[in-house]
Amino acid sequence: MPTDPVEVDRLLDAGDLEGGREALSSVAASDERFAVVRIKLGLYDGSLPPGAAMQALIQLMRRDQDWPGARELYQEASNVAYRGRQSSVAHSHPPPPTDENK
């Protein structure tokens, strides 16, 4: 049983999705320390669309803006959505104008 989400994250980054899935299967679903790597596995294996991953990550970051790994995975999911030409939270609205653009 992994004691730290970093262990699972390394498996996922190495492309070992099955190893990551197996490691997560021994972790209680209620253990929120592993929330980001669960989302990452879903994003990587295609079972969680990028938009849904981003929404889940937003929920985590609303509770703690510095949730470990959430911001980085959000950016990755946003890039996946953009490359796939999917609508995403990050690309739905243009940024507000700056003084230069007025």
Protein backbone atom coordinates (compact mmCIF):
# COMPACT_ATOMS: atom_id res chain seq x y z
CA MET A 1 0.00 0.00 0.00
CA PRO A 2 1.47 3.37 -0.97
CA THR A 3 1.98 5.72 1.95
CA ASP A 4 2.35 8.85 -0.14
CA PRO A 5 0.60 10.07 -3.31
CA VAL A 6 4.04 10.86 -4.77
CA GLU A 7 4.65 7.13 -5.15
CA VAL A 8 1.50 6.75 -7.29
CA ASP A 9 2.28 9.96 -9.17
CA ARG A 10 5.66 8.56 -10.21
CA LEU A 11 3.99 5.45 -11.62
CA LEU A 12 1.52 7.56 -13.61
CA ASP A 13 4.23 9.88 -14.92
CA ALA A 14 6.19 6.82 -16.05
CA GLY A 15 3.14 5.63 -17.99
CA ASP A 16 2.44 2.71 -15.65
CA LEU A 17 -1.30 3.28 -15.42
CA GLU A 18 -1.98 -0.30 -14.33
CA GLY A 19 0.58 0.00 -11.54
CA GLY A 20 -0.99 3.28 -10.45
CA ARG A 21 -4.46 1.75 -10.53
CA GLU A 22 -3.27 -1.23 -8.50
CA ALA A 23 -1.58 1.01 -5.93
CA LEU A 24 -4.71 3.15 -5.58
CA SER A 25 -6.89 0.08 -5.14
CA SER A 26 -5.27 -0.50 -1.75
CA VAL A 27 -5.95 3.07 -0.58
CA ALA A 28 -9.25 3.93 1.09
CA ALA A 29 -11.47 6.02 -1.19
CA SER A 30 -11.94 8.44 1.70
CA ASP A 31 -8.19 9.20 1.88
CA GLU A 32 -8.19 12.64 0.29
CA ARG A 33 -4.39 12.80 0.15
CA PHE A 34 -4.74 10.67 -3.00
CA ALA A 35 -7.49 12.77 -4.64
CA VAL A 36 -5.20 14.42 -7.22
CA VAL A 37 -3.57 11.16 -8.33
CA ARG A 38 -7.02 9.56 -8.65
CA ILE A 39 -8.05 12.41 -10.94
CA LYS A 40 -4.76 12.13 -12.82
CA LEU A 41 -5.31 8.41 -13.42
CA GLY A 42 -8.79 9.11 -14.77
CA LEU A 43 -7.43 11.83 -17.04
CA TYR A 44 -4.61 9.62 -18.30
CA ASP A 45 -6.69 6.50 -18.89
CA GLY A 46 -9.52 8.46 -20.52
CA SER A 47 -12.18 7.54 -17.98
CA LEU A 48 -12.40 11.17 -16.82
CA PRO A 49 -12.79 13.88 -19.49
CA PRO A 50 -10.52 16.92 -19.10
CA GLY A 51 -13.43 19.21 -18.19
CA ALA A 52 -14.60 16.91 -15.41
CA ALA A 53 -11.02 16.60 -14.13
CA MET A 54 -10.73 20.38 -14.08
CA GLN A 55 -14.00 20.72 -12.17
CA ALA A 56 -12.86 18.18 -9.57
CA LEU A 57 -9.56 20.01 -9.19
CA ILE A 58 -11.35 23.35 -8.82
CA GLN A 59 -13.36 21.86 -5.96
CA LEU A 60 -10.15 20.78 -4.23
CA MET A 61 -8.50 24.16 -4.75
CA ARG A 62 -11.55 25.97 -3.37
CA ARG A 63 -10.98 24.11 -0.13
CA ASP A 64 -7.21 24.68 -0.19
CA GLN A 65 -5.69 26.83 -2.92
CA ASP A 66 -2.34 25.10 -2.37
CA TRP A 67 -3.65 21.53 -2.59
CA PRO A 68 -0.53 19.52 -3.55
CA GLY A 69 -0.39 18.86 -7.28
CA ALA A 70 -3.84 20.27 -8.06
CA ARG A 71 -2.73 23.43 -9.88
CA GLU A 72 -0.23 21.56 -12.05
CA LEU A 73 -2.74 18.88 -13.00
CA TYR A 74 -5.34 21.56 -13.70
CA GLN A 75 -2.94 23.14 -16.22
CA GLU A 76 -2.29 19.74 -17.78
CA ALA A 77 -6.02 18.98 -18.06
CA SER A 78 -6.60 22.42 -19.54
CA ASN A 79 -3.93 21.78 -22.17
CA VAL A 80 -5.45 18.38 -23.00
CA ALA A 81 -8.87 20.01 -23.41
CA TYR A 82 -7.43 22.75 -25.60
CA ARG A 83 -5.51 20.32 -27.82
CA GLY A 84 -8.63 18.20 -28.14
CA ARG A 85 -10.61 21.32 -29.04
CA GLN A 86 -12.90 20.72 -26.10
CA SER A 87 -14.50 23.58 -24.29
CA SER A 88 -12.92 24.13 -20.92
CA VAL A 89 -13.36 26.36 -17.94
CA ALA A 90 -9.97 27.96 -18.55
CA HIS A 91 -10.67 28.81 -22.19
CA SER A 92 -14.38 29.64 -22.03
CA HIS A 93 -13.97 33.29 -21.23
CA PRO A 94 -11.33 35.71 -22.43
CA PRO A 95 -9.33 37.40 -19.70
CA PRO A 96 -10.46 40.86 -18.65
CA PRO A 97 -8.95 43.69 -20.67
CA THR A 98 -5.81 45.34 -19.41
CA ASP A 99 -5.28 49.09 -19.52
CA GLU A 100 -3.30 48.61 -22.74
CA ASN A 101 -6.27 46.95 -24.48
CA LYS A 102 -8.82 49.63 -23.63
